[in-house]
């Protein structure tokens, strides 16, 4: 067993504005890991 990313996110508009608009970008591999310094909240659901 482990906790996994359920594919539901709440993101502030200013975060999305920082995503490059001129190339493909992965949320999971490029954006989210840079917020694991305490700025990425987790909402745990037993579903």
ModelCIF file with pLDDT and N, C-alpha, C, O atoms, coordinates in Angstrom:
data_MODEL
#
_entry.id   MODEL 
#
_entity.id                         1 
_entity.type                       polymer 
_entity.pdbx_number_of_molecules   1 
#
_entity_poly.entity_id                      1 
_entity_poly.type                           'polypeptide(L)' 
_entity_poly.nstd_linkage                   no 
_entity_poly.nstd_monomer                   no 
_entity_poly.pdbx_seq_one_letter_code       
;(UNK)(UNK)(UNK)(UNK)(UNK)(UNK)(UNK)(UNK)(UNK)(UNK)(UNK)(UNK)(UNK)(UNK)(UNK)(UNK)
(UNK)(UNK)(UNK)(UNK)(UNK)(UNK)(UNK)(UNK)(UNK)(UNK)(UNK)(UNK)(UNK)(UNK)(UNK)(UNK)
(UNK)(UNK)(UNK)(UNK)(UNK)(UNK)(UNK)(UNK)(UNK)(UNK)(UNK)(UNK)(UNK)(UNK)(UNK)
;
_entity_poly.pdbx_seq_one_letter_code_can   XXXXXXXXXXXXXXXXXXXXXXXXXXXXXXXXXXXXXXXXXXXXXXX 
_entity_poly.pdbx_strand_id                 A 
#
loop_
_entity_poly_seq.entity_id 
_entity_poly_seq.num 
_entity_poly_seq.mon_id 
_entity_poly_seq.hetero 
1 1  UNK n 
1 2  UNK n 
1 3  UNK n 
1 4  UNK n 
1 5  UNK n 
1 6  UNK n 
1 7  UNK n 
1 8  UNK n 
1 9  UNK n 
1 10 UNK n 
1 11 UNK n 
1 12 UNK n 
1 13 UNK n 
1 14 UNK n 
1 15 UNK n 
1 16 UNK n 
1 17 UNK n 
1 18 UNK n 
1 19 UNK n 
1 20 UNK n 
1 21 UNK n 
1 22 UNK n 
1 23 UNK n 
1 24 UNK n 
1 25 UNK n 
1 26 UNK n 
1 27 UNK n 
1 28 UNK n 
1 29 UNK n 
1 30 UNK n 
1 31 UNK n 
1 32 UNK n 
1 33 UNK n 
1 34 UNK n 
1 35 UNK n 
1 36 UNK n 
1 37 UNK n 
1 38 UNK n 
1 39 UNK n 
1 40 UNK n 
1 41 UNK n 
1 42 UNK n 
1 43 UNK n 
1 44 UNK n 
1 45 UNK n 
1 46 UNK n 
1 47 UNK n 
#
_struct_asym.id          A 
_struct_asym.entity_id   1 
#
loop_
_ma_qa_metric.id 
_ma_qa_metric.mode 
_ma_qa_metric.name 
_ma_qa_metric.software_group_id 
_ma_qa_metric.type 
1 global pLDDT . pLDDT 
2 local  pLDDT . pLDDT 
#
_ma_qa_metric_global.metric_id      1 
_ma_qa_metric_global.metric_value   96.57 
_ma_qa_metric_global.model_id       1 
_ma_qa_metric_global.ordinal_id     1 
#
loop_
_ma_qa_metric_local.label_asym_id 
_ma_qa_metric_local.label_comp_id 
_ma_qa_metric_local.label_seq_id 
_ma_qa_metric_local.metric_id 
_ma_qa_metric_local.metric_value 
_ma_qa_metric_local.model_id 
_ma_qa_metric_local.ordinal_id 
A UNK 1  2 92.00 1 1  
A UNK 2  2 94.00 1 2  
A UNK 3  2 96.00 1 3  
A UNK 4  2 96.00 1 4  
A UNK 5  2 96.00 1 5  
A UNK 6  2 97.00 1 6  
A UNK 7  2 96.00 1 7  
A UNK 8  2 98.00 1 8  
A UNK 9  2 98.00 1 9  
A UNK 10 2 98.00 1 10 
A UNK 11 2 98.00 1 11 
A UNK 12 2 98.00 1 12 
A UNK 13 2 98.00 1 13 
A UNK 14 2 97.00 1 14 
A UNK 15 2 98.00 1 15 
A UNK 16 2 98.00 1 16 
A UNK 17 2 98.00 1 17 
A UNK 18 2 97.00 1 18 
A UNK 19 2 97.00 1 19 
A UNK 20 2 96.00 1 20 
A UNK 21 2 93.00 1 21 
A UNK 22 2 92.00 1 22 
A UNK 23 2 96.00 1 23 
A UNK 24 2 97.00 1 24 
A UNK 25 2 98.00 1 25 
A UNK 26 2 97.00 1 26 
A UNK 27 2 97.00 1 27 
A UNK 28 2 95.00 1 28 
A UNK 29 2 94.00 1 29 
A UNK 30 2 96.00 1 30 
A UNK 31 2 97.00 1 31 
A UNK 32 2 97.00 1 32 
A UNK 33 2 96.00 1 33 
A UNK 34 2 96.00 1 34 
A UNK 35 2 98.00 1 35 
A UNK 36 2 97.00 1 36 
A UNK 37 2 96.00 1 37 
A UNK 38 2 95.00 1 38 
A UNK 39 2 97.00 1 39 
A UNK 40 2 98.00 1 40 
A UNK 41 2 98.00 1 41 
A UNK 42 2 98.00 1 42 
A UNK 43 2 98.00 1 43 
A UNK 44 2 98.00 1 44 
A UNK 45 2 97.00 1 45 
A UNK 46 2 96.00 1 46 
A UNK 47 2 96.00 1 47 
#
loop_
_atom_site.group_PDB 
_atom_site.id 
_atom_site.type_symbol 
_atom_site.label_atom_id 
_atom_site.label_alt_id 
_atom_site.label_comp_id 
_atom_site.label_asym_id 
_atom_site.label_entity_id 
_atom_site.label_seq_id 
_atom_site.pdbx_PDB_ins_code 
_atom_site.Cartn_x 
_atom_site.Cartn_y 
_atom_site.Cartn_z 
_atom_site.occupancy 
_atom_site.B_iso_or_equiv 
_atom_site.pdbx_formal_charge 
_atom_site.auth_seq_id 
_atom_site.auth_comp_id 
_atom_site.auth_asym_id 
_atom_site.auth_atom_id 
_atom_site.pdbx_PDB_model_num 
ATOM 1   N N  . UNK A 1 1  ? 0.812   -1.217 0.000   1.00 92.00 ? 1  UNK A N  1 
ATOM 2   C CA . UNK A 1 1  ? 0.000   0.000  0.000   1.00 92.00 ? 1  UNK A CA 1 
ATOM 3   C C  . UNK A 1 1  ? 0.844   1.265  0.000   1.00 92.00 ? 1  UNK A C  1 
ATOM 4   O O  . UNK A 1 1  ? 1.955   1.292  0.530   1.00 92.00 ? 1  UNK A O  1 
ATOM 5   N N  . UNK A 1 2  ? 0.298   2.304  -0.601  1.00 94.00 ? 2  UNK A N  1 
ATOM 6   C CA . UNK A 1 2  ? 0.961   3.615  -0.601  1.00 94.00 ? 2  UNK A CA 1 
ATOM 7   C C  . UNK A 1 2  ? -0.053  4.669  -0.997  1.00 94.00 ? 2  UNK A C  1 
ATOM 8   O O  . UNK A 1 2  ? -1.084  4.378  -1.604  1.00 94.00 ? 2  UNK A O  1 
ATOM 9   N N  . UNK A 1 3  ? 0.266   5.896  -0.638  1.00 96.00 ? 3  UNK A N  1 
ATOM 10  C CA . UNK A 1 3  ? -0.526  7.039  -1.092  1.00 96.00 ? 3  UNK A CA 1 
ATOM 11  C C  . UNK A 1 3  ? -0.060  7.422  -2.483  1.00 96.00 ? 3  UNK A C  1 
ATOM 12  O O  . UNK A 1 3  ? 1.141   7.484  -2.745  1.00 96.00 ? 3  UNK A O  1 
ATOM 13  N N  . UNK A 1 4  ? -1.011  7.682  -3.383  1.00 96.00 ? 4  UNK A N  1 
ATOM 14  C CA . UNK A 1 4  ? -0.673  8.052  -4.743  1.00 96.00 ? 4  UNK A CA 1 
ATOM 15  C C  . UNK A 1 4  ? -1.401  9.340  -5.144  1.00 96.00 ? 4  UNK A C  1 
ATOM 16  O O  . UNK A 1 4  ? -2.370  9.755  -4.507  1.00 96.00 ? 4  UNK A O  1 
ATOM 17  N N  . UNK A 1 5  ? -0.915  9.938  -6.189  1.00 96.00 ? 5  UNK A N  1 
ATOM 18  C CA . UNK A 1 5  ? -1.541  11.118 -6.771  1.00 96.00 ? 5  UNK A CA 1 
ATOM 19  C C  . UNK A 1 5  ? -2.827  10.687 -7.469  1.00 96.00 ? 5  UNK A C  1 
ATOM 20  O O  . UNK A 1 5  ? -2.793  9.843  -8.365  1.00 96.00 ? 5  UNK A O  1 
ATOM 21  N N  . UNK A 1 6  ? -3.960  11.261 -7.065  1.00 97.00 ? 6  UNK A N  1 
ATOM 22  C CA . UNK A 1 6  ? -5.259  10.861 -7.608  1.00 97.00 ? 6  UNK A CA 1 
ATOM 23  C C  . UNK A 1 6  ? -5.638  11.644 -8.864  1.00 97.00 ? 6  UNK A C  1 
ATOM 24  O O  . UNK A 1 6  ? -6.695  11.396 -9.444  1.00 97.00 ? 6  UNK A O  1 
ATOM 25  N N  . UNK A 1 7  ? -4.798  12.580 -9.293  1.00 96.00 ? 7  UNK A N  1 
ATOM 26  C CA . UNK A 1 7  ? -5.098  13.327 -10.509 1.00 96.00 ? 7  UNK A CA 1 
ATOM 27  C C  . UNK A 1 7  ? -6.124  14.427 -10.349 1.00 96.00 ? 7  UNK A C  1 
ATOM 28  O O  . UNK A 1 7  ? -6.758  14.825 -11.326 1.00 96.00 ? 7  UNK A O  1 
ATOM 29  N N  . UNK A 1 8  ? -6.302  14.928 -9.130  1.00 98.00 ? 8  UNK A N  1 
ATOM 30  C CA . UNK A 1 8  ? -7.163  16.082 -8.859  1.00 98.00 ? 8  UNK A CA 1 
ATOM 31  C C  . UNK A 1 8  ? -6.309  17.134 -8.170  1.00 98.00 ? 8  UNK A C  1 
ATOM 32  O O  . UNK A 1 8  ? -5.645  16.851 -7.174  1.00 98.00 ? 8  UNK A O  1 
ATOM 33  N N  . UNK A 1 9  ? -6.331  18.348 -8.706  1.00 98.00 ? 9  UNK A N  1 
ATOM 34  C CA . UNK A 1 9  ? -5.485  19.408 -8.184  1.00 98.00 ? 9  UNK A CA 1 
ATOM 35  C C  . UNK A 1 9  ? -6.268  20.709 -8.032  1.00 98.00 ? 9  UNK A C  1 
ATOM 36  O O  . UNK A 1 9  ? -7.215  20.969 -8.774  1.00 98.00 ? 9  UNK A O  1 
ATOM 37  N N  . UNK A 1 10 ? -5.864  21.508 -7.072  1.00 98.00 ? 10 UNK A N  1 
ATOM 38  C CA . UNK A 1 10 ? -6.289  22.903 -6.982  1.00 98.00 ? 10 UNK A CA 1 
ATOM 39  C C  . UNK A 1 10 ? -5.036  23.745 -7.115  1.00 98.00 ? 10 UNK A C  1 
ATOM 40  O O  . UNK A 1 10 ? -4.090  23.592 -6.342  1.00 98.00 ? 10 UNK A O  1 
ATOM 41  N N  . UNK A 1 11 ? -5.032  24.639 -8.101  1.00 98.00 ? 11 UNK A N  1 
ATOM 42  C CA . UNK A 1 11 ? -3.846  25.425 -8.393  1.00 98.00 ? 11 UNK A CA 1 
ATOM 43  C C  . UNK A 1 11 ? -4.205  26.907 -8.464  1.00 98.00 ? 11 UNK A C  1 
ATOM 44  O O  . UNK A 1 11 ? -5.222  27.289 -9.044  1.00 98.00 ? 11 UNK A O  1 
ATOM 45  N N  . UNK A 1 12 ? -3.366  27.716 -7.873  1.00 98.00 ? 12 UNK A N  1 
ATOM 46  C CA . UNK A 1 12 ? -3.569  29.155 -7.962  1.00 98.00 ? 12 UNK A CA 1 
ATOM 47  C C  . UNK A 1 12 ? -3.180  29.637 -9.360  1.00 98.00 ? 12 UNK A C  1 
ATOM 48  O O  . UNK A 1 12 ? -2.246  29.127 -9.979  1.00 98.00 ? 12 UNK A O  1 
ATOM 49  N N  . UNK A 1 13 ? -3.907  30.611 -9.824  1.00 98.00 ? 13 UNK A N  1 
ATOM 50  C CA . UNK A 1 13 ? -3.720  31.119 -11.181 1.00 98.00 ? 13 UNK A CA 1 
ATOM 51  C C  . UNK A 1 13 ? -2.269  31.530 -11.451 1.00 98.00 ? 13 UNK A C  1 
ATOM 52  O O  . UNK A 1 13 ? -1.735  31.282 -12.532 1.00 98.00 ? 13 UNK A O  1 
ATOM 53  N N  . UNK A 1 14 ? -1.640  32.162 -10.451 1.00 97.00 ? 14 UNK A N  1 
ATOM 54  C CA . UNK A 1 14 ? -0.277  32.650 -10.669 1.00 97.00 ? 14 UNK A CA 1 
ATOM 55  C C  . UNK A 1 14 ? 0.723   31.517 -10.883 1.00 97.00 ? 14 UNK A C  1 
ATOM 56  O O  . UNK A 1 14 ? 1.755   31.715 -11.526 1.00 97.00 ? 14 UNK A O  1 
ATOM 57  N N  . UNK A 1 15 ? 0.423   30.324 -10.346 1.00 98.00 ? 15 UNK A N  1 
ATOM 58  C CA . UNK A 1 15 ? 1.295   29.173 -10.598 1.00 98.00 ? 15 UNK A CA 1 
ATOM 59  C C  . UNK A 1 15 ? 1.222   28.775 -12.068 1.00 98.00 ? 15 UNK A C  1 
ATOM 60  O O  . UNK A 1 15 ? 2.245   28.534 -12.709 1.00 98.00 ? 15 UNK A O  1 
ATOM 61  N N  . UNK A 1 16 ? 0.009   28.710 -12.591 1.00 98.00 ? 16 UNK A N  1 
ATOM 62  C CA . UNK A 1 16 ? -0.170  28.312 -13.994 1.00 98.00 ? 16 UNK A CA 1 
ATOM 63  C C  . UNK A 1 16 ? 0.451   29.339 -14.930 1.00 98.00 ? 16 UNK A C  1 
ATOM 64  O O  . UNK A 1 16 ? 0.947   28.989 -16.001 1.00 98.00 ? 16 UNK A O  1 
ATOM 65  N N  . UNK A 1 17 ? 0.424   30.610 -14.527 1.00 98.00 ? 17 UNK A N  1 
ATOM 66  C CA . UNK A 1 17 ? 1.014   31.662 -15.359 1.00 98.00 ? 17 UNK A CA 1 
ATOM 67  C C  . UNK A 1 17 ? 2.516   31.489 -15.528 1.00 98.00 ? 17 UNK A C  1 
ATOM 68  O O  . UNK A 1 17 ? 3.085   31.982 -16.502 1.00 98.00 ? 17 UNK A O  1 
ATOM 69  N N  . UNK A 1 18 ? 3.173   30.792 -14.593 1.00 97.00 ? 18 UNK A N  1 
ATOM 70  C CA . UNK A 1 18 ? 4.624   30.596 -14.692 1.00 97.00 ? 18 UNK A CA 1 
ATOM 71  C C  . UNK A 1 18 ? 5.000   29.438 -15.615 1.00 97.00 ? 18 UNK A C  1 
ATOM 72  O O  . UNK A 1 18 ? 6.177   29.275 -15.937 1.00 97.00 ? 18 UNK A O  1 
ATOM 73  N N  . UNK A 1 19 ? 4.034   28.633 -16.047 1.00 97.00 ? 19 UNK A N  1 
ATOM 74  C CA . UNK A 1 19 ? 4.323   27.505 -16.936 1.00 97.00 ? 19 UNK A CA 1 
ATOM 75  C C  . UNK A 1 19 ? 4.675   28.031 -18.326 1.00 97.00 ? 19 UNK A C  1 
ATOM 76  O O  . UNK A 1 19 ? 3.984   28.897 -18.861 1.00 97.00 ? 19 UNK A O  1 
ATOM 77  N N  . UNK A 1 20 ? 5.741   27.510 -18.900 1.00 96.00 ? 20 UNK A N  1 
ATOM 78  C CA . UNK A 1 20 ? 6.176   27.941 -20.230 1.00 96.00 ? 20 UNK A CA 1 
ATOM 79  C C  . UNK A 1 20 ? 5.065   27.711 -21.248 1.00 96.00 ? 20 UNK A C  1 
ATOM 80  O O  . UNK A 1 20 ? 4.418   26.664 -21.254 1.00 96.00 ? 20 UNK A O  1 
ATOM 81  N N  . UNK A 1 21 ? 4.856   28.697 -22.101 1.00 93.00 ? 21 UNK A N  1 
ATOM 82  C CA . UNK A 1 21 ? 3.778   28.613 -23.090 1.00 93.00 ? 21 UNK A CA 1 
ATOM 83  C C  . UNK A 1 21 ? 4.280   28.222 -24.473 1.00 93.00 ? 21 UNK A C  1 
ATOM 84  O O  . UNK A 1 21 ? 3.498   28.113 -25.417 1.00 93.00 ? 21 UNK A O  1 
ATOM 85  N N  . UNK A 1 22 ? 5.589   28.010 -24.590 1.00 92.00 ? 22 UNK A N  1 
ATOM 86  C CA . UNK A 1 22 ? 6.159   27.772 -25.923 1.00 92.00 ? 22 UNK A CA 1 
ATOM 87  C C  . UNK A 1 22 ? 6.715   26.363 -26.107 1.00 92.00 ? 22 UNK A C  1 
ATOM 88  O O  . UNK A 1 22 ? 7.426   26.102 -27.077 1.00 92.00 ? 22 UNK A O  1 
ATOM 89  N N  . UNK A 1 23 ? 6.396   25.449 -25.181 1.00 96.00 ? 23 UNK A N  1 
ATOM 90  C CA . UNK A 1 23 ? 6.899   24.083 -25.296 1.00 96.00 ? 23 UNK A CA 1 
ATOM 91  C C  . UNK A 1 23 ? 6.038   23.151 -24.446 1.00 96.00 ? 23 UNK A C  1 
ATOM 92  O O  . UNK A 1 23 ? 5.335   23.614 -23.548 1.00 96.00 ? 23 UNK A O  1 
ATOM 93  N N  . UNK A 1 24 ? 6.081   21.836 -24.716 1.00 97.00 ? 24 UNK A N  1 
ATOM 94  C CA . UNK A 1 24 ? 5.355   20.899 -23.861 1.00 97.00 ? 24 UNK A CA 1 
ATOM 95  C C  . UNK A 1 24 ? 5.926   20.891 -22.438 1.00 97.00 ? 24 UNK A C  1 
ATOM 96  O O  . UNK A 1 24 ? 7.139   20.958 -22.244 1.00 97.00 ? 24 UNK A O  1 
ATOM 97  N N  . UNK A 1 25 ? 5.039   20.809 -21.460 1.00 98.00 ? 25 UNK A N  1 
ATOM 98  C CA . UNK A 1 25 ? 5.440   20.793 -20.045 1.00 98.00 ? 25 UNK A CA 1 
ATOM 99  C C  . UNK A 1 25 ? 4.618   19.741 -19.322 1.00 98.00 ? 25 UNK A C  1 
ATOM 100 O O  . UNK A 1 25 ? 3.418   19.608 -19.560 1.00 98.00 ? 25 UNK A O  1 
ATOM 101 N N  . UNK A 1 26 ? 5.265   18.997 -18.440 1.00 97.00 ? 26 UNK A N  1 
ATOM 102 C CA . UNK A 1 26 ? 4.571   18.010 -17.603 1.00 97.00 ? 26 UNK A CA 1 
ATOM 103 C C  . UNK A 1 26 ? 4.358   18.568 -16.208 1.00 97.00 ? 26 UNK A C  1 
ATOM 104 O O  . UNK A 1 26 ? 5.315   18.957 -15.538 1.00 97.00 ? 26 UNK A O  1 
ATOM 105 N N  . UNK A 1 27 ? 3.104   18.610 -15.764 1.00 97.00 ? 27 UNK A N  1 
ATOM 106 C CA . UNK A 1 27 ? 2.836   19.019 -14.382 1.00 97.00 ? 27 UNK A CA 1 
ATOM 107 C C  . UNK A 1 27 ? 3.532   18.098 -13.401 1.00 97.00 ? 27 UNK A C  1 
ATOM 108 O O  . UNK A 1 27 ? 4.163   18.544 -12.442 1.00 97.00 ? 27 UNK A O  1 
ATOM 109 N N  . UNK A 1 28 ? 3.404   16.781 -13.661 1.00 95.00 ? 28 UNK A N  1 
ATOM 110 C CA . UNK A 1 28 ? 3.870   15.776 -12.708 1.00 95.00 ? 28 UNK A CA 1 
ATOM 111 C C  . UNK A 1 28 ? 5.396   15.738 -12.597 1.00 95.00 ? 28 UNK A C  1 
ATOM 112 O O  . UNK A 1 28 ? 5.931   15.544 -11.506 1.00 95.00 ? 28 UNK A O  1 
ATOM 113 N N  . UNK A 1 29 ? 6.091   15.919 -13.704 1.00 94.00 ? 29 UNK A N  1 
ATOM 114 C CA . UNK A 1 29 ? 7.553   15.781 -13.685 1.00 94.00 ? 29 UNK A CA 1 
ATOM 115 C C  . UNK A 1 29 ? 8.304   17.107 -13.563 1.00 94.00 ? 29 UNK A C  1 
ATOM 116 O O  . UNK A 1 29 ? 9.422   17.145 -13.049 1.00 94.00 ? 29 UNK A O  1 
ATOM 117 N N  . UNK A 1 30 ? 7.686   18.197 -14.037 1.00 96.00 ? 30 UNK A N  1 
ATOM 118 C CA . UNK A 1 30 ? 8.412   19.469 -14.064 1.00 96.00 ? 30 UNK A CA 1 
ATOM 119 C C  . UNK A 1 30 ? 7.898   20.506 -13.078 1.00 96.00 ? 30 UNK A C  1 
ATOM 120 O O  . UNK A 1 30 ? 8.689   21.241 -12.488 1.00 96.00 ? 30 UNK A O  1 
ATOM 121 N N  . UNK A 1 31 ? 6.582   20.575 -12.891 1.00 97.00 ? 31 UNK A N  1 
ATOM 122 C CA . UNK A 1 31 ? 6.020   21.636 -12.048 1.00 97.00 ? 31 UNK A CA 1 
ATOM 123 C C  . UNK A 1 31 ? 5.934   21.210 -10.586 1.00 97.00 ? 31 UNK A C  1 
ATOM 124 O O  . UNK A 1 31 ? 6.493   21.876 -9.714  1.00 97.00 ? 31 UNK A O  1 
ATOM 125 N N  . UNK A 1 32 ? 5.246   20.117 -10.312 1.00 97.00 ? 32 UNK A N  1 
ATOM 126 C CA . UNK A 1 32 ? 4.979   19.732 -8.921  1.00 97.00 ? 32 UNK A CA 1 
ATOM 127 C C  . UNK A 1 32 ? 6.239   19.494 -8.091  1.00 97.00 ? 32 UNK A C  1 
ATOM 128 O O  . UNK A 1 32 ? 6.282   19.953 -6.949  1.00 97.00 ? 32 UNK A O  1 
ATOM 129 N N  . UNK A 1 33 ? 7.274   18.800 -8.598  1.00 96.00 ? 33 UNK A N  1 
ATOM 130 C CA . UNK A 1 33 ? 8.451   18.545 -7.751  1.00 96.00 ? 33 UNK A CA 1 
ATOM 131 C C  . UNK A 1 33 ? 9.107   19.808 -7.208  1.00 96.00 ? 33 UNK A C  1 
ATOM 132 O O  . UNK A 1 33 ? 9.732   19.759 -6.148  1.00 96.00 ? 33 UNK A O  1 
ATOM 133 N N  . UNK A 1 34 ? 8.985   20.925 -7.894  1.00 96.00 ? 34 UNK A N  1 
ATOM 134 C CA . UNK A 1 34 ? 9.608   22.163 -7.408  1.00 96.00 ? 34 UNK A CA 1 
ATOM 135 C C  . UNK A 1 34 ? 8.833   22.793 -6.252  1.00 96.00 ? 34 UNK A C  1 
ATOM 136 O O  . UNK A 1 34 ? 9.284   23.780 -5.671  1.00 96.00 ? 34 UNK A O  1 
ATOM 137 N N  . UNK A 1 35 ? 7.668   22.231 -5.913  1.00 98.00 ? 35 UNK A N  1 
ATOM 138 C CA . UNK A 1 35 ? 6.863   22.760 -4.809  1.00 98.00 ? 35 UNK A CA 1 
ATOM 139 C C  . UNK A 1 35 ? 6.882   21.850 -3.578  1.00 98.00 ? 35 UNK A C  1 
ATOM 140 O O  . UNK A 1 35 ? 6.104   22.061 -2.647  1.00 98.00 ? 35 UNK A O  1 
ATOM 141 N N  . UNK A 1 36 ? 7.759   20.843 -3.561  1.00 97.00 ? 36 UNK A N  1 
ATOM 142 C CA . UNK A 1 36 ? 7.777   19.895 -2.432  1.00 97.00 ? 36 UNK A CA 1 
ATOM 143 C C  . UNK A 1 36 ? 8.589   20.425 -1.246  1.00 97.00 ? 36 UNK A C  1 
ATOM 144 O O  . UNK A 1 36 ? 9.078   19.647 -0.426  1.00 97.00 ? 36 UNK A O  1 
ATOM 145 N N  . UNK A 1 37 ? 8.726   21.722 -1.163  1.00 96.00 ? 37 UNK A N  1 
ATOM 146 C CA . UNK A 1 37 ? 9.417   22.369 -0.037  1.00 96.00 ? 37 UNK A CA 1 
ATOM 147 C C  . UNK A 1 37 ? 8.408   22.875 0.988   1.00 96.00 ? 37 UNK A C  1 
ATOM 148 O O  . UNK A 1 37 ? 8.687   23.821 1.725   1.00 96.00 ? 37 UNK A O  1 
ATOM 149 N N  . UNK A 1 38 ? 7.225   22.239 1.036   1.00 95.00 ? 38 UNK A N  1 
ATOM 150 C CA . UNK A 1 38 ? 6.185   22.641 1.972   1.00 95.00 ? 38 UNK A CA 1 
ATOM 151 C C  . UNK A 1 38 ? 5.064   23.422 1.323   1.00 95.00 ? 38 UNK A C  1 
ATOM 152 O O  . UNK A 1 38 ? 4.113   23.815 1.999   1.00 95.00 ? 38 UNK A O  1 
ATOM 153 N N  . UNK A 1 39 ? 5.158   23.656 0.009   1.00 97.00 ? 39 UNK A N  1 
ATOM 154 C CA . UNK A 1 39 ? 4.148   24.468 -0.677  1.00 97.00 ? 39 UNK A CA 1 
ATOM 155 C C  . UNK A 1 39 ? 3.138   23.648 -1.471  1.00 97.00 ? 39 UNK A C  1 
ATOM 156 O O  . UNK A 1 39 ? 2.291   24.214 -2.162  1.00 97.00 ? 39 UNK A O  1 
ATOM 157 N N  . UNK A 1 40 ? 3.217   22.311 -1.382  1.00 98.00 ? 40 UNK A N  1 
ATOM 158 C CA . UNK A 1 40 ? 2.314   21.442 -2.130  1.00 98.00 ? 40 UNK A CA 1 
ATOM 159 C C  . UNK A 1 40 ? 1.426   20.681 -1.149  1.00 98.00 ? 40 UNK A C  1 
ATOM 160 O O  . UNK A 1 40 ? 1.872   19.727 -0.511  1.00 98.00 ? 40 UNK A O  1 
ATOM 161 N N  . UNK A 1 41 ? 0.183   21.102 -1.035  1.00 98.00 ? 41 UNK A N  1 
ATOM 162 C CA . UNK A 1 41 ? -0.738  20.514 -0.067  1.00 98.00 ? 41 UNK A CA 1 
ATOM 163 C C  . UNK A 1 41 ? -1.227  19.145 -0.496  1.00 98.00 ? 41 UNK A C  1 
ATOM 164 O O  . UNK A 1 41 ? -1.244  18.825 -1.685  1.00 98.00 ? 41 UNK A O  1 
ATOM 165 N N  . UNK A 1 42 ? -1.627  18.332 0.486   1.00 98.00 ? 42 UNK A N  1 
ATOM 166 C CA . UNK A 1 42 ? -2.176  17.000 0.228   1.00 98.00 ? 42 UNK A CA 1 
ATOM 167 C C  . UNK A 1 42 ? -3.524  16.875 0.922   1.00 98.00 ? 42 UNK A C  1 
ATOM 168 O O  . UNK A 1 42 ? -3.661  17.186 2.105   1.00 98.00 ? 42 UNK A O  1 
ATOM 169 N N  . UNK A 1 43 ? -4.512  16.418 0.168   1.00 98.00 ? 43 UNK A N  1 
ATOM 170 C CA . UNK A 1 43 ? -5.858  16.175 0.684   1.00 98.00 ? 43 UNK A CA 1 
ATOM 171 C C  . UNK A 1 43 ? -6.101  14.675 0.564   1.00 98.00 ? 43 UNK A C  1 
ATOM 172 O O  . UNK A 1 43 ? -6.393  14.173 -0.521  1.00 98.00 ? 43 UNK A O  1 
ATOM 173 N N  . UNK A 1 44 ? -5.978  13.962 1.683   1.00 98.00 ? 44 UNK A N  1 
ATOM 174 C CA . UNK A 1 44 ? -6.025  12.494 1.678   1.00 98.00 ? 44 UNK A CA 1 
ATOM 175 C C  . UNK A 1 44 ? -7.465  11.996 1.761   1.00 98.00 ? 44 UNK A C  1 
ATOM 176 O O  . UNK A 1 44 ? -8.223  12.388 2.648   1.00 98.00 ? 44 UNK A O  1 
ATOM 177 N N  . UNK A 1 45 ? -7.825  11.129 0.826   1.00 97.00 ? 45 UNK A N  1 
ATOM 178 C CA . UNK A 1 45 ? -9.167  10.575 0.752   1.00 97.00 ? 45 UNK A CA 1 
ATOM 179 C C  . UNK A 1 45 ? -9.108  9.049  0.735   1.00 97.00 ? 45 UNK A C  1 
ATOM 180 O O  . UNK A 1 45 ? -8.353  8.460  -0.038  1.00 97.00 ? 45 UNK A O  1 
ATOM 181 N N  . UNK A 1 46 ? -9.897  8.423  1.577   1.00 96.00 ? 46 UNK A N  1 
ATOM 182 C CA . UNK A 1 46 ? -9.994  6.959  1.585   1.00 96.00 ? 46 UNK A CA 1 
ATOM 183 C C  . UNK A 1 46 ? -11.136 6.562  0.658   1.00 96.00 ? 46 UNK A C  1 
ATOM 184 O O  . UNK A 1 46 ? -12.215 6.174  1.107   1.00 96.00 ? 46 UNK A O  1 
ATOM 185 N N  . UNK A 1 47 ? -10.882 6.666  -0.629  1.00 96.00 ? 47 UNK A N  1 
ATOM 186 C CA . UNK A 1 47 ? -11.880 6.374  -1.649  1.00 96.00 ? 47 UNK A CA 1 
ATOM 187 C C  . UNK A 1 47 ? -11.243 5.495  -2.724  1.00 96.00 ? 47 UNK A C  1 
ATOM 188 O O  . UNK A 1 47 ? -11.908 5.123  -3.691  1.00 96.00 ? 47 UNK A O  1 
#
